[in-house]
Amino acid sequence: MKTVISFENVNFSYEKSRPVMRNVSFRIQDGEAVGLIGANGAGKSTLMKLLLGLVQGQGRITVDGVTVESANLPQVRRSLGYVLQNSDHQMFMPTVYEDMMFGPLNAMVPREEAERRVDEVLAALDIAELKHRHNHRLSGGEKRMAAIATVLAMAPSAVLMDEPTSALDPYYRRVVIRAIGAMGQTKLIAAHDLDMIWDTCQRVLLLDGGEIVADGPKESILRDKKLLEQHHMELPLRFQNV
């Protein structure tokens, strides 16, 4: 099976005396949905930044076989879609349609093909009614769905998500979870919402102190109360009274 994302002995420090990533190694295969969990300060955001080439560490990171380094960043970023935690930082055009068209057109995708992608993604996410809505008039949940749509319109190999269900009401939380489940792309999802991780991922990486302390099927990690508590986390709500 094709490896889409690979970390090999990756280290990183913002300050020399304070390492943030320590010998991180893992691979994510084509089509896998992987949850990235850990307490605040565990290194989740830094790992995402390294993958996107926003910061540079030691070791080797590849996306679709291409090394993440300065010369290759345009190619790497064409393979990655990144859904930010705050949709207001992602949606910057007047309407959902214009936001969805912006990326493909700037990547030199023919307009006809970009139009087709927009309609297909909106239909797949069941949000066709948002196509010509103004972004500033969207609810928080609608804006989160629109942000996901803008990323999918780029047809990335892998989608990175940072807290995709944060600050959503129960209805839109369920809508976003269904949308994530319907995506065929490789997915890496960083979140504190362990119930959402259970619903959307098959595999979990547990980070603590910049190290991967557990990597395995969701059942073996998200139901392990002792393991989670050792790393300052709690069981998903669905298992707390079982």
Protein backbone atom coordinates (compact mmCIF):
# COMPACT_ATOMS: atom_id res chain seq x y z
CA MET A 1 0.00 0.00 0.00
CA LYS A 2 1.20 3.52 -0.83
CA THR A 3 2.68 5.62 1.99
CA VAL A 4 1.21 9.13 1.87
CA ILE A 5 2.82 10.66 4.98
CA SER A 6 6.10 9.58 6.55
CA PHE A 7 8.09 10.89 9.53
CA GLU A 8 11.54 9.38 10.11
CA ASN A 9 13.41 10.28 13.31
CA VAL A 10 12.10 13.85 13.32
CA ASN A 11 13.35 16.26 15.98
CA PHE A 12 12.49 19.90 16.45
CA SER A 13 13.12 22.68 18.97
CA TYR A 14 11.97 26.28 19.12
CA GLU A 15 14.80 26.76 21.63
CA LYS A 16 17.87 24.52 21.71
CA SER A 17 17.40 23.64 25.37
CA ARG A 18 13.72 22.74 24.95
CA PRO A 19 13.05 20.02 22.35
CA VAL A 20 9.44 19.93 21.13
CA MET A 21 9.68 16.84 18.88
CA ARG A 22 11.82 13.87 19.87
CA ASN A 23 12.67 11.13 17.36
CA VAL A 24 9.16 11.00 15.94
CA SER A 25 8.64 8.23 13.39
CA PHE A 26 5.43 6.93 11.82
CA ARG A 27 3.84 6.25 8.44
CA ILE A 28 0.29 6.84 7.24
CA GLN A 29 -0.90 4.76 4.32
CA ASP A 30 -3.22 5.76 1.50
CA GLY A 31 -6.82 6.03 2.73
CA GLU A 32 -6.03 5.74 6.45
CA ALA A 33 -7.85 7.95 8.94
CA VAL A 34 -5.51 8.66 11.86
CA GLY A 35 -6.29 10.59 15.04
CA LEU A 36 -3.54 12.66 16.65
CA ILE A 37 -4.22 13.10 20.37
CA GLY A 38 -2.40 14.46 23.39
CA ALA A 39 -2.80 16.98 26.19
CA ASN A 40 -2.13 20.68 25.63
CA GLY A 41 1.54 21.20 24.80
CA ALA A 42 2.08 17.61 23.67
CA GLY A 43 3.27 18.71 20.22
CA LYS A 44 0.23 18.20 17.99
CA SER A 45 0.30 21.67 16.41
CA THR A 46 4.06 21.52 15.91
CA LEU A 47 3.75 18.17 14.14
CA MET A 48 1.21 19.70 11.73
CA LYS A 49 3.49 22.71 11.12
CA LEU A 50 6.41 20.41 10.34
CA LEU A 51 4.30 18.44 7.88
CA LEU A 52 3.24 21.64 6.10
CA GLY A 53 6.81 22.97 6.06
CA LEU A 54 5.93 25.97 8.21
CA VAL A 55 8.87 25.09 10.46
CA GLN A 56 11.94 22.97 9.71
CA GLY A 57 13.32 20.25 11.96
CA GLN A 58 15.87 17.45 11.72
CA GLY A 59 15.06 14.06 10.26
CA ARG A 60 13.00 13.28 7.16
CA ILE A 61 9.36 14.01 6.39
CA THR A 62 7.77 13.03 3.09
CA VAL A 63 4.35 13.55 1.50
CA ASP A 64 3.53 11.30 -1.46
CA GLY A 65 7.21 10.41 -1.54
CA VAL A 66 8.36 14.05 -1.80
CA THR A 67 10.64 15.34 0.95
CA VAL A 68 9.25 18.28 2.89
CA GLU A 69 11.90 20.95 2.33
CA SER A 70 11.93 24.50 1.03
CA ALA A 71 12.45 23.66 -2.62
CA ASN A 72 9.55 21.18 -2.65
CA LEU A 73 6.94 23.09 -0.62
CA PRO A 74 4.69 24.06 -3.55
CA GLN A 75 4.46 20.41 -4.60
CA VAL A 76 3.99 19.19 -1.01
CA ARG A 77 1.24 21.69 -0.29
CA ARG A 78 -0.66 20.69 -3.43
CA SER A 79 -0.92 17.22 -1.89
CA LEU A 80 -2.13 18.45 1.51
CA GLY A 81 -5.40 20.10 2.45
CA TYR A 82 -5.42 21.84 5.83
CA VAL A 83 -8.66 22.62 7.67
CA LEU A 84 -7.88 25.23 10.30
CA GLN A 85 -9.44 25.25 13.75
CA ASN A 86 -10.76 28.77 13.17
CA SER A 87 -12.72 28.89 9.92
CA ASP A 88 -12.54 32.70 9.90
CA HIS A 89 -8.81 32.34 9.24
CA GLN A 90 -9.53 30.18 6.19
CA MET A 91 -12.53 31.79 4.49
CA PHE A 92 -11.48 35.12 2.99
CA MET A 93 -13.50 35.58 -0.21
CA PRO A 94 -17.02 37.09 -0.20
CA THR A 95 -18.91 33.85 -0.97
CA VAL A 96 -18.46 30.11 -0.49
CA TYR A 97 -18.32 29.64 -4.27
CA GLU A 98 -15.53 32.19 -4.68
CA ASP A 99 -13.55 30.62 -1.83
CA MET A 100 -13.88 27.17 -3.37
CA MET A 101 -12.83 28.42 -6.81
CA PHE A 102 -9.86 30.43 -5.56
CA GLY A 103 -7.54 27.50 -4.81
CA PRO A 104 -8.09 25.45 -7.97
CA LEU A 105 -7.90 28.48 -10.26
CA ASN A 106 -4.65 29.62 -8.67
CA ALA A 107 -3.32 26.09 -9.13
CA MET A 108 -4.04 26.52 -12.87
CA VAL A 109 -6.98 24.11 -12.87
CA PRO A 110 -9.18 24.93 -15.91
CA ARG A 111 -12.33 26.85 -14.90
CA GLU A 112 -14.65 24.13 -16.21
CA GLU A 113 -12.86 21.52 -14.08
CA ALA A 114 -12.89 23.82 -11.04
CA GLU A 115 -16.64 24.37 -11.48
CA ARG A 116 -17.17 20.62 -11.66
CA ARG A 117 -15.16 20.08 -8.47
CA VAL A 118 -17.13 22.74 -6.61
CA ASP A 119 -20.48 21.16 -7.50
CA GLU A 120 -19.27 17.62 -6.74
CA VAL A 121 -17.85 18.56 -3.34
CA LEU A 122 -20.92 20.55 -2.32
CA ALA A 123 -23.15 17.64 -3.32
CA ALA A 124 -20.96 15.10 -1.49
CA LEU A 125 -21.10 17.20 1.70
CA ASP A 126 -24.84 17.87 1.19
CA ILE A 127 -24.36 21.64 1.42
CA ALA A 128 -25.25 22.73 -2.13
CA GLU A 129 -27.47 25.43 -0.63
CA LEU A 130 -24.36 27.22 0.69
CA LYS A 131 -22.79 27.70 -2.75
CA HIS A 132 -23.68 31.37 -3.21
CA ARG A 133 -24.04 32.32 0.43
CA HIS A 134 -21.91 35.14 1.81
CA ASN A 135 -19.34 33.89 4.29
CA HIS A 136 -20.09 36.57 6.86
CA ARG A 137 -23.70 35.36 7.01
CA LEU A 138 -22.88 31.72 7.71
CA SER A 139 -23.33 30.16 11.13
CA GLY A 140 -20.30 28.62 12.83
CA GLY A 141 -21.29 25.14 11.71
CA GLU A 142 -22.03 26.20 8.15
CA LYS A 143 -18.70 28.00 7.96
CA ARG A 144 -16.86 24.89 9.21
CA MET A 145 -18.52 22.80 6.48
CA ALA A 146 -17.68 25.45 3.88
CA ALA A 147 -14.04 25.47 5.02
CA ILE A 148 -13.90 21.69 4.56
CA ALA A 149 -15.41 22.13 1.10
CA THR A 150 -12.74 24.66 0.07
CA VAL A 151 -10.04 22.18 1.00
CA LEU A 152 -11.67 19.26 -0.82
CA ALA A 153 -12.07 21.37 -3.97
CA MET A 154 -8.27 21.28 -4.24
CA ALA A 155 -8.43 17.46 -4.56
CA PRO A 156 -5.60 16.84 -2.06
CA SER A 157 -4.09 13.41 -1.41
CA ALA A 158 -4.40 13.95 2.34
CA VAL A 159 -6.46 16.20 4.58
CA LEU A 160 -5.11 17.60 7.84
CA MET A 161 -7.61 18.82 10.42
CA ASP A 162 -7.06 20.80 13.60
CA GLU A 163 -9.91 20.41 16.12
CA PRO A 164 -12.61 20.14 13.41
CA THR A 165 -15.52 19.92 15.89
CA SER A 166 -14.43 22.57 18.38
CA ALA A 167 -17.04 25.21 19.31
CA LEU A 168 -19.79 23.48 17.29
CA ASP A 169 -23.28 22.79 18.57
CA PRO A 170 -24.37 19.12 18.74
CA TYR A 171 -26.16 19.23 15.37
CA TYR A 172 -23.21 20.58 13.37
CA ARG A 173 -20.80 18.40 15.31
CA ARG A 174 -22.68 15.38 13.93
CA VAL A 175 -22.77 16.92 10.44
CA VAL A 176 -19.00 17.46 10.44
CA ILE A 177 -18.34 13.94 11.74
CA ARG A 178 -20.47 12.50 8.93
CA ALA A 179 -18.61 14.63 6.39
CA ILE A 180 -15.23 13.47 7.66
CA GLY A 181 -16.36 9.86 7.48
CA ALA A 182 -17.44 10.29 3.87
CA MET A 183 -14.06 11.64 2.70
CA GLY A 184 -12.00 9.14 0.74
CA GLN A 185 -8.73 10.97 1.31
CA THR A 186 -6.04 10.04 3.79
CA LYS A 187 -6.79 11.95 6.99
CA LEU A 188 -4.74 13.14 9.98
CA ILE A 189 -7.00 14.70 12.62
CA ALA A 190 -5.63 16.49 15.69
CA ALA A 191 -8.23 16.85 18.43
CA HIS A 192 -9.11 16.79 22.10
CA ASP A 193 -12.58 15.46 21.22
CA LEU A 194 -11.85 11.77 21.67
CA ASP A 195 -15.43 10.74 20.91
CA MET A 196 -15.07 12.40 17.51
CA ILE A 197 -11.73 10.61 16.99
CA TRP A 198 -13.46 7.32 17.82
CA ASP A 199 -16.18 8.06 15.24
CA THR A 200 -13.84 9.12 12.42
CA CYS A 201 -10.50 7.30 12.80
CA GLN A 202 -9.32 3.70 12.80
CA ARG A 203 -5.86 4.39 14.20
CA VAL A 204 -4.56 6.74 16.90
CA LEU A 205 -1.19 8.38 17.59
CA LEU A 206 -0.78 9.52 21.20
CA LEU A 207 1.76 12.31 21.72
CA ASP A 208 3.28 13.41 25.01
CA GLY A 209 6.31 15.64 25.45
CA GLY A 210 6.94 15.60 21.72
CA GLU A 211 7.19 11.80 21.59
CA ILE A 212 4.79 9.22 20.21
CA VAL A 213 4.04 7.13 23.28
CA ALA A 214 1.38 4.96 21.63
CA ASP A 215 0.43 4.10 18.06
CA GLY A 216 -2.26 1.58 17.32
CA PRO A 217 -5.91 0.76 16.63
CA LYS A 218 -8.36 3.14 18.26
CA GLU A 219 -9.79 0.31 20.37
CA SER A 220 -6.45 -0.35 22.06
CA ILE A 221 -5.75 3.30 22.90
CA LEU A 222 -9.07 5.08 23.41
CA ARG A 223 -10.39 2.39 25.79
CA ASP A 224 -7.19 2.24 27.85
CA LYS A 225 -8.02 4.37 30.88
CA LYS A 226 -4.65 3.86 32.54
CA LEU A 227 -2.70 4.82 29.40
CA LEU A 228 -4.75 7.97 28.82
CA GLU A 229 -4.56 9.09 32.45
CA GLN A 230 -0.79 8.58 32.46
CA HIS A 231 -0.67 11.18 29.71
CA HIS A 232 -3.15 13.63 31.23
CA MET A 233 -6.19 12.59 29.23
CA GLU A 234 -9.53 10.96 30.00
CA LEU A 235 -11.55 8.23 28.35
CA PRO A 236 -14.01 9.28 25.65
CA LEU A 237 -17.35 10.17 27.27
CA ARG A 238 -19.03 7.09 25.82
CA PHE A 239 -16.75 4.80 27.87
CA GLN A 240 -16.59 6.72 31.15
CA ASN A 241 -19.58 4.98 32.70
CA VAL A 242 -19.07 1.58 31.13
